[in-house]
Amino acid sequence: MPVPSADEKRWAQIEGEALTTKGNFKKGVGMLFLIAIYLTLLRSIVYGVLALVQKVKSKRRAGLIPLFQPPVSVVIAAYNERR
């Protein structure tokens, strides 16, 4: 087996570092995607828990004031409705 020259050793080291950097970059991007997925799942779980809490609170409140109905007005904007 021939002995590589100093120039070949230098290029081999540069290529090795480039491949290592590329691999580390791919790992970092993969970790960012996993973090995004986990945060999305966590957000969905938190929203689900908050929805259940709101449902329980609204049932309690509905039992306390069953006949309360606030007055409501509906405003419909219309422009040239005769045309």
Protein backbone atom coordinates (compact mmCIF):
# COMPACT_ATOMS: atom_id res chain seq x y z
CA MET A 1 0.00 0.00 0.00
CA PRO A 2 1.48 3.35 -0.99
CA VAL A 3 2.10 6.00 1.63
CA PRO A 4 -0.05 9.11 1.02
CA SER A 5 1.72 12.42 0.63
CA ALA A 6 1.24 15.32 3.01
CA ASP A 7 -1.03 17.05 0.49
CA GLU A 8 -3.25 13.96 0.19
CA LYS A 9 -3.40 13.68 3.98
CA ARG A 10 -4.46 17.32 4.24
CA TRP A 11 -7.24 16.86 1.65
CA ALA A 12 -8.39 13.68 3.35
CA GLN A 13 -8.61 15.54 6.65
CA ILE A 14 -10.59 18.40 5.03
CA GLU A 15 -13.01 15.94 3.41
CA GLY A 16 -13.41 14.07 6.68
CA GLU A 17 -14.21 17.27 8.55
CA ALA A 18 -16.66 18.33 5.82
CA LEU A 19 -18.50 15.00 6.08
CA THR A 20 -18.54 15.24 9.87
CA THR A 21 -19.96 18.76 9.66
CA LYS A 22 -22.61 17.60 7.19
CA GLY A 23 -23.58 14.74 9.50
CA ASN A 24 -23.80 17.03 12.51
CA PHE A 25 -25.95 19.47 10.51
CA LYS A 26 -28.34 16.66 9.53
CA LYS A 27 -28.56 15.57 13.17
CA GLY A 28 -29.29 19.15 14.24
CA VAL A 29 -32.05 19.57 11.66
CA GLY A 30 -33.52 16.23 12.70
CA MET A 31 -33.52 17.31 16.33
CA LEU A 32 -35.25 20.59 15.40
CA PHE A 33 -37.99 18.65 13.60
CA LEU A 34 -38.45 16.34 16.58
CA ILE A 35 -38.63 19.30 18.95
CA ALA A 36 -41.25 20.93 16.70
CA ILE A 37 -43.30 17.72 16.66
CA TYR A 38 -43.12 17.30 20.43
CA LEU A 39 -44.06 20.93 21.04
CA THR A 40 -47.04 20.55 18.71
CA LEU A 41 -48.20 17.45 20.57
CA LEU A 42 -47.72 19.19 23.91
CA ARG A 43 -49.76 22.17 22.70
CA SER A 44 -52.58 19.86 21.61
CA ILE A 45 -52.59 18.12 24.99
CA VAL A 46 -52.64 21.45 26.84
CA TYR A 47 -55.53 22.71 24.70
CA GLY A 48 -57.41 19.49 25.37
CA VAL A 49 -56.93 19.83 29.13
CA LEU A 50 -57.98 23.48 29.02
CA ALA A 51 -61.09 22.56 27.03
CA LEU A 52 -62.04 19.96 29.65
CA VAL A 53 -61.52 22.47 32.44
CA GLN A 54 -63.71 24.99 30.64
CA LYS A 55 -66.41 22.37 30.11
CA VAL A 56 -66.45 21.46 33.79
CA LYS A 57 -66.56 25.12 34.84
CA SER A 58 -69.37 25.91 32.40
CA LYS A 59 -71.45 23.01 33.74
CA ARG A 60 -71.00 24.30 37.28
CA ARG A 61 -71.90 27.82 36.19
CA ALA A 62 -74.95 26.58 34.23
CA GLY A 63 -76.23 24.88 37.37
CA LEU A 64 -75.96 28.10 39.38
CA ILE A 65 -77.76 30.46 36.95
CA PRO A 66 -80.00 28.37 34.68
CA LEU A 67 -82.41 31.15 33.64
CA PHE A 68 -79.89 33.87 32.81
CA GLN A 69 -80.17 34.97 29.17
CA PRO A 70 -78.37 38.21 28.27
CA PRO A 71 -80.00 40.54 25.72
CA VAL A 72 -78.49 40.21 22.28
CA SER A 73 -78.62 42.55 19.31
CA VAL A 74 -77.67 41.54 15.77
CA VAL A 75 -76.46 44.23 13.38
CA ILE A 76 -76.32 43.44 9.65
CA ALA A 77 -74.49 45.92 7.47
CA ALA A 78 -76.16 46.41 4.09
CA TYR A 79 -75.34 48.67 1.15
CA ASN A 80 -77.80 49.39 -1.67
CA GLU A 81 -80.06 46.55 -0.71
CA ARG A 82 -82.82 47.64 -3.15
CA ARG A 83 -80.69 47.14 -6.26
